[in-house]
């Protein structure tokens, strides 16, 4: 019988770290959406109660405190993954470079997180979010590269199918703030940002895994276009939430429609080329 160490190696450590990074982003969204971004009364890294002000005093500050708590574990996981990738000779050097860069960016992200508490300006919030997305992307790419030999052409088609459902759902949730007089409740914000992470992940997945299984130029063009459109659509979706610019809103909706169509074309092309 294989030991626990044999069954759960570096690929599982990397995947677990990716989950923690994604959870940290969504908890940050929850803290902002519930108004608890300043719940710890501008104390950082401490909160507003308990021994040495380490713990939350009430439910509002709990969200911000819990976000910091999970972020700490995510930071340790990032460091551990980077160290493991350096120490293991069998780890692809591209993967090592990606996770080490993620580790280097982590203190920057922590500093930006402190500034969101002490300053709470739109520019700082935006930079904090996009730095988080960059770190998330680095770990998505690294994770897929590690697992790619075990992934199939059929899973590329499945990813396209998932994306073709996720983008319309993302647009559907946007109606909570695009419609006149509509509100944008916390649960909707958290769900929409979770879908944003899913769209980004699909874009990376199809291009990295698809290139291993499909040689035709037309298929590869759709793979690359899907990845590019995924990021651009998420960007404009975020900008649409952040402001009240009708042109940005229409650009986001148009890009979402094109991305959905591209995903559908991707389903057809990958299925037909898998059979040929």
C-alpha atoms as a PDB file:
ATOM      1  CA  UNK A   1       0.000   0.000   0.000  1.00  0.00           C
ATOM      2  CA  UNK A   2       1.360   3.410  -1.001  1.00  0.00           C
ATOM      3  CA  UNK A   3       2.167   5.922   1.718  1.00  0.00           C
ATOM      4  CA  UNK A   4       0.338   9.229   2.030  1.00  0.00           C
ATOM      5  CA  UNK A   5       3.438  11.014   0.710  1.00  0.00           C
ATOM      6  CA  UNK A   6       3.458   8.800  -2.406  1.00  0.00           C
ATOM      7  CA  UNK A   7      -0.215   9.412  -3.108  1.00  0.00           C
ATOM      8  CA  UNK A   8      -0.140  13.162  -2.526  1.00  0.00           C
ATOM      9  CA  UNK A   9       2.883  14.824  -4.084  1.00  0.00           C
ATOM     10  CA  UNK A  10       3.821  18.172  -5.559  1.00  0.00           C
ATOM     11  CA  UNK A  11       0.878  18.305  -8.029  1.00  0.00           C
ATOM     12  CA  UNK A  12      -1.568  18.050  -5.116  1.00  0.00           C
ATOM     13  CA  UNK A  13       0.340  20.675  -3.108  1.00  0.00           C
ATOM     14  CA  UNK A  14       0.169  23.012  -6.102  1.00  0.00           C
ATOM     15  CA  UNK A  15      -3.545  22.375  -6.630  1.00  0.00           C
ATOM     16  CA  UNK A  16      -4.235  22.958  -2.932  1.00  0.00           C
ATOM     17  CA  UNK A  17      -2.338  26.241  -3.035  1.00  0.00           C
ATOM     18  CA  UNK A  18      -4.378  27.328  -6.054  1.00  0.00           C
ATOM     19  CA  UNK A  19      -7.597  26.626  -4.130  1.00  0.00           C
ATOM     20  CA  UNK A  20      -6.345  28.717  -1.194  1.00  0.00           C
ATOM     21  CA  UNK A  21      -5.406  31.600  -3.505  1.00  0.00           C
ATOM     22  CA  UNK A  22      -8.860  31.515  -5.089  1.00  0.00           C
ATOM     23  CA  UNK A  23     -10.548  31.330  -1.677  1.00  0.00           C
ATOM     24  CA  UNK A  24      -8.525  34.313  -0.484  1.00  0.00           C
ATOM     25  CA  UNK A  25      -9.714  36.381  -3.454  1.00  0.00           C
ATOM     26  CA  UNK A  26     -13.357  35.504  -2.853  1.00  0.00           C
ATOM     27  CA  UNK A  27     -13.095  36.207   0.877  1.00  0.00           C
ATOM     28  CA  UNK A  28     -11.610  39.593  -0.012  1.00  0.00           C
ATOM     29  CA  UNK A  29     -14.606  40.248  -2.243  1.00  0.00           C
ATOM     30  CA  UNK A  30     -16.895  39.188   0.609  1.00  0.00           C
ATOM     31  CA  UNK A  31     -15.142  41.566   3.008  1.00  0.00           C
ATOM     32  CA  UNK A  32     -15.538  44.452   0.572  1.00  0.00           C
ATOM     33  CA  UNK A  33     -19.107  43.577  -0.400  1.00  0.00           C
ATOM     34  CA  UNK A  34     -20.318  43.357   3.201  1.00  0.00           C
ATOM     35  CA  UNK A  35     -18.650  46.654   4.095  1.00  0.00           C
ATOM     36  CA  UNK A  36     -16.247  44.992   6.512  1.00  0.00           C
ATOM     37  CA  UNK A  37     -13.130  46.101   4.633  1.00  0.00           C
ATOM     38  CA  UNK A  38     -12.744  48.702   7.372  1.00  0.00           C
ATOM     39  CA  UNK A  39     -14.330  46.477  10.027  1.00  0.00           C
ATOM     40  CA  UNK A  40     -11.104  46.165  11.997  1.00  0.00           C
ATOM     41  CA  UNK A  41     -11.054  49.967  12.427  1.00  0.00           C
ATOM     42  CA  UNK A  42      -7.992  50.492  10.233  1.00  0.00           C
ATOM     43  CA  UNK A  43      -5.944  48.153  12.432  1.00  0.00           C
ATOM     44  CA  UNK A  44      -3.529  46.031  10.408  1.00  0.00           C
ATOM     45  CA  UNK A  45      -2.561  43.236  10.665  1.00  0.00           C
ATOM     46  CA  UNK A  46      -4.365  43.128  13.996  1.00  0.00           C
ATOM     47  CA  UNK A  47      -8.144  43.484  14.278  1.00  0.00           C
ATOM     48  CA  UNK A  48     -10.302  45.236  16.892  1.00  0.00           C
ATOM     49  CA  UNK A  49     -10.715  42.991  19.937  1.00  0.00           C
ATOM     50  CA  UNK A  50      -9.390  40.095  21.987  1.00  0.00           C
ATOM     51  CA  UNK A  51      -5.821  39.633  23.260  1.00  0.00           C
ATOM     52  CA  UNK A  52      -3.517  42.155  21.563  1.00  0.00           C
ATOM     53  CA  UNK A  53      -6.432  43.130  19.242  1.00  0.00           C
ATOM     54  CA  UNK A  54      -5.917  39.911  17.306  1.00  0.00           C
ATOM     55  CA  UNK A  55      -9.576  38.887  16.991  1.00  0.00           C
ATOM     56  CA  UNK A  56     -12.798  40.429  15.640  1.00  0.00           C
ATOM     57  CA  UNK A  57     -15.138  42.265  17.972  1.00  0.00           C
ATOM     58  CA  UNK A  58     -18.337  41.674  15.974  1.00  0.00           C
ATOM     59  CA  UNK A  59     -19.698  39.971  12.865  1.00  0.00           C
ATOM     60  CA  UNK A  60     -18.791  42.849  10.546  1.00  0.00           C
ATOM     61  CA  UNK A  61     -15.110  42.767  11.411  1.00  0.00           C
ATOM     62  CA  UNK A  62     -15.204  38.946  11.396  1.00  0.00           C
ATOM     63  CA  UNK A  63     -15.334  38.868   7.583  1.00  0.00           C
ATOM     64  CA  UNK A  64     -12.233  41.034   7.303  1.00  0.00           C
ATOM     65  CA  UNK A  65     -10.452  39.078  10.029  1.00  0.00           C
ATOM     66  CA  UNK A  66     -11.277  35.726   8.403  1.00  0.00           C
ATOM     67  CA  UNK A  67     -10.025  37.025   5.062  1.00  0.00           C
ATOM     68  CA  UNK A  68      -6.687  37.883   6.693  1.00  0.00           C
ATOM     69  CA  UNK A  69      -6.619  34.541   8.488  1.00  0.00           C
ATOM     70  CA  UNK A  70      -7.027  32.525   5.273  1.00  0.00           C
ATOM     71  CA  UNK A  71      -4.608  34.863   3.466  1.00  0.00           C
ATOM     72  CA  UNK A  72      -1.953  33.932   5.999  1.00  0.00           C
ATOM     73  CA  UNK A  73      -2.332  30.230   5.215  1.00  0.00           C
ATOM     74  CA  UNK A  74      -2.373  30.976   1.490  1.00  0.00           C
ATOM     75  CA  UNK A  75       0.886  32.894   1.911  1.00  0.00           C
ATOM     76  CA  UNK A  76       2.527  29.984   3.728  1.00  0.00           C
ATOM     77  CA  UNK A  77       1.250  27.595   1.047  1.00  0.00           C
ATOM     78  CA  UNK A  78       2.688  29.809  -1.699  1.00  0.00           C
ATOM     79  CA  UNK A  79       6.072  29.897   0.018  1.00  0.00           C
ATOM     80  CA  UNK A  80       6.013  26.142   0.629  1.00  0.00           C
ATOM     81  CA  UNK A  81       5.094  25.425  -2.987  1.00  0.00           C
ATOM     82  CA  UNK A  82       7.867  27.685  -4.272  1.00  0.00           C
ATOM     83  CA  UNK A  83      10.458  26.049  -2.014  1.00  0.00           C
ATOM     84  CA  UNK A  84       9.271  22.560  -3.006  1.00  0.00           C
ATOM     85  CA  UNK A  85       9.469  23.438  -6.707  1.00  0.00           C
ATOM     86  CA  UNK A  86      13.060  24.623  -6.289  1.00  0.00           C
ATOM     87  CA  UNK A  87      14.134  21.583  -4.264  1.00  0.00           C
ATOM     88  CA  UNK A  88      12.555  18.971  -6.564  1.00  0.00           C
ATOM     89  CA  UNK A  89      14.665  18.181  -9.620  1.00  0.00           C
ATOM     90  CA  UNK A  90      11.717  16.637 -11.482  1.00  0.00           C
ATOM     91  CA  UNK A  91       9.611  19.817 -11.451  1.00  0.00           C
ATOM     92  CA  UNK A  92       9.408  21.659 -14.778  1.00  0.00           C
ATOM     93  CA  UNK A  93      11.513  24.819 -14.522  1.00  0.00           C
ATOM     94  CA  UNK A  94       8.664  26.801 -16.070  1.00  0.00           C
ATOM     95  CA  UNK A  95       6.510  25.750 -13.130  1.00  0.00           C
ATOM     96  CA  UNK A  96       9.234  26.764 -10.711  1.00  0.00           C
ATOM     97  CA  UNK A  97       9.523  30.194 -12.346  1.00  0.00           C
ATOM     98  CA  UNK A  98       5.758  30.717 -12.137  1.00  0.00           C
ATOM     99  CA  UNK A  99       5.356  29.798  -8.467  1.00  0.00           C
ATOM    100  CA  UNK A 100       8.500  31.704  -7.440  1.00  0.00           C
ATOM    101  CA  UNK A 101       7.139  34.795  -9.199  1.00  0.00           C
ATOM    102  CA  UNK A 102       3.883  34.248  -7.312  1.00  0.00           C
ATOM    103  CA  UNK A 103       5.871  34.124  -4.078  1.00  0.00           C
ATOM    104  CA  UNK A 104       7.690  37.360  -4.967  1.00  0.00           C
ATOM    105  CA  UNK A 105       4.382  39.105  -5.691  1.00  0.00           C
ATOM    106  CA  UNK A 106       2.802  37.927  -2.438  1.00  0.00           C
ATOM    107  CA  UNK A 107       4.482  40.555  -0.181  1.00  0.00           C
ATOM    108  CA  UNK A 108       3.407  43.205  -2.699  1.00  0.00           C
ATOM    109  CA  UNK A 109      -0.159  41.930  -2.437  1.00  0.00           C
ATOM    110  CA  UNK A 110       0.042  41.937   1.363  1.00  0.00           C
ATOM    111  CA  UNK A 111       1.235  45.558   1.327  1.00  0.00           C
ATOM    112  CA  UNK A 112      -1.623  46.496  -1.002  1.00  0.00           C
ATOM    113  CA  UNK A 113      -4.033  44.721   1.341  1.00  0.00           C
ATOM    114  CA  UNK A 114      -2.766  46.870   4.202  1.00  0.00           C
ATOM    115  CA  UNK A 115      -3.323  49.991   2.093  1.00  0.00           C
ATOM    116  CA  UNK A 116      -6.921  48.991   1.333  1.00  0.00           C
ATOM    117  CA  UNK A 117      -7.538  49.133   5.089  1.00  0.00           C
ATOM    118  CA  UNK A 118      -5.586  52.306   5.808  1.00  0.00           C
ATOM    119  CA  UNK A 119      -6.502  54.298   2.675  1.00  0.00           C
ATOM    120  CA  UNK A 120      -9.385  52.481   0.920  1.00  0.00           C
ATOM    121  CA  UNK A 121      -9.107  54.348  -2.385  1.00  0.00           C
ATOM    122  CA  UNK A 122     -10.443  53.074  -5.708  1.00  0.00           C
ATOM    123  CA  UNK A 123      -6.973  52.908  -7.246  1.00  0.00           C
ATOM    124  CA  UNK A 124      -5.583  50.844  -4.354  1.00  0.00           C
ATOM    125  CA  UNK A 125      -8.580  48.492  -4.416  1.00  0.00           C
ATOM    126  CA  UNK A 126      -8.202  47.981  -8.159  1.00  0.00           C
ATOM    127  CA  UNK A 127      -4.460  47.344  -7.944  1.00  0.00           C
ATOM    128  CA  UNK A 128      -5.024  44.939  -5.050  1.00  0.00           C
ATOM    129  CA  UNK A 129      -7.590  42.998  -7.082  1.00  0.00           C
ATOM    130  CA  UNK A 130      -5.561  42.744 -10.288  1.00  0.00           C
ATOM    131  CA  UNK A 131      -2.421  41.717  -8.420  1.00  0.00           C
ATOM    132  CA  UNK A 132      -4.492  38.933  -6.869  1.00  0.00           C
ATOM    133  CA  UNK A 133      -5.700  37.908 -10.338  1.00  0.00           C
ATOM    134  CA  UNK A 134      -2.094  37.851 -11.571  1.00  0.00           C
ATOM    135  CA  UNK A 135      -1.013  35.580  -8.709  1.00  0.00           C
ATOM    136  CA  UNK A 136      -4.061  33.393  -9.312  1.00  0.00           C
ATOM    137  CA  UNK A 137      -3.209  33.148 -13.011  1.00  0.00           C
ATOM    138  CA  UNK A 138       0.386  32.174 -12.264  1.00  0.00           C
ATOM    139  CA  UNK A 139      -0.821  29.284 -10.124  1.00  0.00           C
ATOM    140  CA  UNK A 140      -3.502  28.259 -12.623  1.00  0.00           C
ATOM    141  CA  UNK A 141      -0.871  28.046 -15.364  1.00  0.00           C
ATOM    142  CA  UNK A 142       1.577  26.193 -13.098  1.00  0.00           C
ATOM    143  CA  UNK A 143      -1.089  23.729 -11.943  1.00  0.00           C
ATOM    144  CA  UNK A 144      -2.253  22.964 -15.471  1.00  0.00           C
ATOM    145  CA  UNK A 145       1.330  22.492 -16.681  1.00  0.00           C
ATOM    146  CA  UNK A 146       1.931  19.950 -13.914  1.00  0.00           C
ATOM    147  CA  UNK A 147      -1.299  18.047 -14.539  1.00  0.00           C
ATOM    148  CA  UNK A 148      -1.321  18.434 -18.359  1.00  0.00           C
ATOM    149  CA  UNK A 149       0.103  14.961 -19.169  1.00  0.00           C
ATOM    150  CA  UNK A 150      -2.940  13.405 -17.456  1.00  0.00           C
ATOM    151  CA  UNK A 151      -5.505  15.644 -19.196  1.00  0.00           C
ATOM    152  CA  UNK A 152      -7.316  14.633 -22.378  1.00  0.00           C
ATOM    153  CA  UNK A 153      -8.746  16.230 -25.519  1.00  0.00           C
ATOM    154  CA  UNK A 154     -12.217  15.420 -24.204  1.00  0.00           C
ATOM    155  CA  UNK A 155     -11.561  17.552 -21.147  1.00  0.00           C
ATOM    156  CA  UNK A 156     -10.745  20.503 -23.414  1.00  0.00           C
ATOM    157  CA  UNK A 157     -14.201  20.119 -24.984  1.00  0.00           C
ATOM    158  CA  UNK A 158     -15.708  19.887 -21.482  1.00  0.00           C
ATOM    159  CA  UNK A 159     -13.898  23.072 -20.466  1.00  0.00           C
ATOM    160  CA  UNK A 160     -15.310  24.876 -23.500  1.00  0.00           C
ATOM    161  CA  UNK A 161     -18.785  23.622 -22.537  1.00  0.00           C
ATOM    162  CA  UNK A 162     -18.320  24.855 -18.964  1.00  0.00           C
ATOM    163  CA  UNK A 163     -17.185  28.232 -20.264  1.00  0.00           C
ATOM    164  CA  UNK A 164     -20.178  28.525 -22.594  1.00  0.00           C
ATOM    165  CA  UNK A 165     -22.430  28.225 -19.520  1.00  0.00           C
ATOM    166  CA  UNK A 166     -20.306  30.316 -17.164  1.00  0.00           C
ATOM    167  CA  UNK A 167     -20.151  33.466 -19.311  1.00  0.00           C
ATOM    168  CA  UNK A 168     -23.942  33.826 -19.713  1.00  0.00           C
ATOM    169  CA  UNK A 169     -24.299  33.262 -15.956  1.00  0.00           C
ATOM    170  CA  UNK A 170     -21.748  36.034 -15.402  1.00  0.00           C
ATOM    171  CA  UNK A 171     -23.781  38.348 -17.630  1.00  0.00           C
ATOM    172  CA  UNK A 172     -26.981  37.321 -15.867  1.00  0.00           C
ATOM    173  CA  UNK A 173     -25.578  38.389 -12.517  1.00  0.00           C
ATOM    174  CA  UNK A 174     -24.426  41.692 -14.025  1.00  0.00           C
ATOM    175  CA  UNK A 175     -28.098  42.629 -14.464  1.00  0.00           C
ATOM    176  CA  UNK A 176     -28.126  43.235 -10.700  1.00  0.00           C
ATOM    177  CA  UNK A 177     -26.116  46.423 -11.283  1.00  0.00           C
ATOM    178  CA  UNK A 178     -26.748  47.238 -14.963  1.00  0.00           C
ATOM    179  CA  UNK A 179     -30.538  47.427 -14.704  1.00  0.00           C
ATOM    180  CA  UNK A 180     -31.949  50.834 -13.658  1.00  0.00           C
ATOM    181  CA  UNK A 181     -32.499  51.035  -9.924  1.00  0.00           C
ATOM    182  CA  UNK A 182     -31.033  47.586  -9.337  1.00  0.00           C
ATOM    183  CA  UNK A 183     -28.930  46.664  -6.294  1.00  0.00           C
ATOM    184  CA  UNK A 184     -25.775  44.559  -6.151  1.00  0.00           C
ATOM    185  CA  UNK A 185     -26.045  42.454  -2.955  1.00  0.00           C
ATOM    186  CA  UNK A 186     -22.962  40.766  -1.442  1.00  0.00           C
ATOM    187  CA  UNK A 187     -23.955  37.214  -2.381  1.00  0.00           C
ATOM    188  CA  UNK A 188     -24.312  38.272  -6.025  1.00  0.00           C
ATOM    189  CA  UNK A 189     -20.929  40.000  -5.968  1.00  0.00           C
ATOM    190  CA  UNK A 190     -19.229  36.917  -4.531  1.00  0.00           C
ATOM    191  CA  UNK A 191     -20.928  34.649  -7.084  1.00  0.00           C
ATOM    192  CA  UNK A 192     -19.968  36.881 -10.001  1.00  0.00           C
ATOM    193  CA  UNK A 193     -16.333  37.103  -8.961  1.00  0.00           C
ATOM    194  CA  UNK A 194     -16.262  33.324  -8.542  1.00  0.00           C
ATOM    195  CA  UNK A 195     -17.510  33.067 -12.124  1.00  0.00           C
ATOM    196  CA  UNK A 196     -14.773  35.504 -13.184  1.00  0.00           C
ATOM    197  CA  UNK A 197     -12.155  33.162 -11.734  1.00  0.00           C
ATOM    198  CA  UNK A 198     -13.832  30.266 -13.541  1.00  0.00           C
ATOM    199  CA  UNK A 199     -13.773  32.110 -16.893  1.00  0.00           C
ATOM    200  CA  UNK A 200     -10.084  32.937 -16.465  1.00  0.00           C
ATOM    201  CA  UNK A 201      -9.335  29.316 -15.553  1.00  0.00           C
ATOM    202  CA  UNK A 202     -11.191  28.002 -18.608  1.00  0.00           C
ATOM    203  CA  UNK A 203      -9.274  30.393 -20.857  1.00  0.00           C
ATOM    204  CA  UNK A 204      -5.937  29.159 -19.529  1.00  0.00           C
ATOM    205  CA  UNK A 205      -6.996  25.505 -19.518  1.00  0.00           C
ATOM    206  CA  UNK A 206      -8.142  25.289 -23.123  1.00  0.00           C
ATOM    207  CA  UNK A 207      -5.031  26.924 -24.565  1.00  0.00           C
ATOM    208  CA  UNK A 208      -2.485  24.985 -22.481  1.00  0.00           C
ATOM    209  CA  UNK A 209      -4.114  21.570 -22.694  1.00  0.00           C
ATOM    210  CA  UNK A 210      -5.565  22.037 -26.161  1.00  0.00           C
ATOM    211  CA  UNK A 211      -2.170  22.727 -27.722  1.00  0.00           C
ATOM    212  CA  UNK A 212      -1.029  19.270 -26.580  1.00  0.00           C
ATOM    213  CA  UNK A 213      -3.853  17.518 -28.459  1.00  0.00           C
ATOM    214  CA  UNK A 214      -4.733  19.645 -31.491  1.00  0.00           C
ATOM    215  CA  UNK A 215      -2.357  20.515 -34.313  1.00  0.00           C
ATOM    216  CA  UNK A 216      -4.642  22.231 -36.822  1.00  0.00           C
ATOM    217  CA  UNK A 217      -4.151  25.964 -37.123  1.00  0.00           C
ATOM    218  CA  UNK A 218      -7.864  26.724 -36.994  1.00  0.00           C
ATOM    219  CA  UNK A 219      -8.327  24.894 -33.711  1.00  0.00           C
ATOM    220  CA  UNK A 220      -5.261  26.495 -32.183  1.00  0.00           C
ATOM    221  CA  UNK A 221      -6.465  29.931 -33.253  1.00  0.00           C
ATOM    222  CA  UNK A 222      -9.739  29.372 -31.417  1.00  0.00           C
ATOM    223  CA  UNK A 223      -7.842  28.152 -28.348  1.00  0.00           C
ATOM    224  CA  UNK A 224      -5.682  31.292 -28.279  1.00  0.00           C
ATOM    225  CA  UNK A 225      -8.614  33.609 -28.999  1.00  0.00           C
ATOM    226  CA  UNK A 226     -10.630  32.030 -26.190  1.00  0.00           C
ATOM    227  CA  UNK A 227      -7.863  32.690 -23.694  1.00  0.00           C
ATOM    228  CA  UNK A 228      -7.424  36.319 -24.781  1.00  0.00           C
ATOM    229  CA  UNK A 229     -11.155  37.033 -24.810  1.00  0.00           C
ATOM    230  CA  UNK A 230     -11.591  35.462 -21.377  1.00  0.00           C
ATOM    231  CA  UNK A 231      -9.233  37.967 -19.773  1.00  0.00           C
ATOM    232  CA  UNK A 232     -10.513  40.965 -21.727  1.00  0.00           C
ATOM    233  CA  UNK A 233     -14.120  40.104 -20.886  1.00  0.00           C
ATOM    234  CA  UNK A 234     -13.334  39.717 -17.178  1.00  0.00           C
ATOM    235  CA  UNK A 235     -11.455  43.033 -17.262  1.00  0.00           C
ATOM    236  CA  UNK A 236     -14.373  44.930 -18.777  1.00  0.00           C
ATOM    237  CA  UNK A 237     -16.770  43.113 -16.465  1.00  0.00           C
ATOM    238  CA  UNK A 238     -14.788  44.427 -13.503  1.00  0.00           C
ATOM    239  CA  UNK A 239     -14.679  47.930 -14.987  1.00  0.00           C
ATOM    240  CA  UNK A 240     -18.412  47.790 -15.567  1.00  0.00           C
ATOM    241  CA  UNK A 241     -18.966  47.013 -11.885  1.00  0.00           C
ATOM    242  CA  UNK A 242     -16.552  49.740 -10.762  1.00  0.00           C
ATOM    243  CA  UNK A 243     -18.136  52.609 -12.702  1.00  0.00           C
ATOM    244  CA  UNK A 244     -21.214  53.937 -14.442  1.00  0.00           C
ATOM    245  CA  UNK A 245     -20.016  54.193 -18.024  1.00  0.00           C
ATOM    246  CA  UNK A 246     -22.554  53.002 -20.581  1.00  0.00           C
ATOM    247  CA  UNK A 247     -19.881  52.436 -23.239  1.00  0.00           C
ATOM    248  CA  UNK A 248     -17.943  50.154 -20.868  1.00  0.00           C
ATOM    249  CA  UNK A 249     -21.152  48.262 -20.072  1.00  0.00           C
ATOM    250  CA  UNK A 250     -21.928  47.711 -23.761  1.00  0.00           C
ATOM    251  CA  UNK A 251     -18.336  46.689 -24.475  1.00  0.00           C
ATOM    252  CA  UNK A 252     -18.511  44.110 -21.696  1.00  0.00           C
ATOM    253  CA  UNK A 253     -21.806  42.693 -22.969  1.00  0.00           C
ATOM    254  CA  UNK A 254     -20.500  42.543 -26.540  1.00  0.00           C
ATOM    255  CA  UNK A 255     -17.293  40.811 -25.488  1.00  0.00           C
ATOM    256  CA  UNK A 256     -19.273  38.331 -23.397  1.00  0.00           C
ATOM    257  CA  UNK A 257     -21.393  37.453 -26.419  1.00  0.00           C
ATOM    258  CA  UNK A 258     -18.310  36.984 -28.617  1.00  0.00           C
ATOM    259  CA  UNK A 259     -16.603  34.885 -25.941  1.00  0.00           C
ATOM    260  CA  UNK A 260     -19.652  32.640 -25.568  1.00  0.00           C
ATOM    261  CA  UNK A 261     -19.753  32.172 -29.336  1.00  0.00           C
ATOM    262  CA  UNK A 262     -16.030  31.370 -29.377  1.00  0.00           C
ATOM    263  CA  UNK A 263     -16.501  28.761 -26.658  1.00  0.00           C
ATOM    264  CA  UNK A 264     -19.315  27.168 -28.668  1.00  0.00           C
ATOM    265  CA  UNK A 265     -17.114  27.065 -31.774  1.00  0.00           C
ATOM    266  CA  UNK A 266     -14.408  25.530 -29.592  1.00  0.00           C
ATOM    267  CA  UNK A 267     -16.777  22.742 -28.550  1.00  0.00           C
ATOM    268  CA  UNK A 268     -17.568  21.912 -32.175  1.00  0.00           C
ATOM    269  CA  UNK A 269     -13.949  22.079 -33.384  1.00  0.00           C
ATOM    270  CA  UNK A 270     -12.458  20.035 -30.565  1.00  0.00           C
ATOM    271  CA  UNK A 271     -15.163  17.381 -30.798  1.00  0.00           C
ATOM    272  CA  UNK A 272     -14.842  17.034 -34.570  1.00  0.00           C
ATOM    273  CA  UNK A 273     -11.039  16.998 -34.488  1.00  0.00           C
ATOM    274  CA  UNK A 274     -10.964  14.492 -31.644  1.00  0.00           C
ATOM    275  CA  UNK A 275     -12.893  12.055 -33.820  1.00  0.00           C
ATOM    276  CA  UNK A 276     -10.750  12.630 -36.923  1.00  0.00           C
END
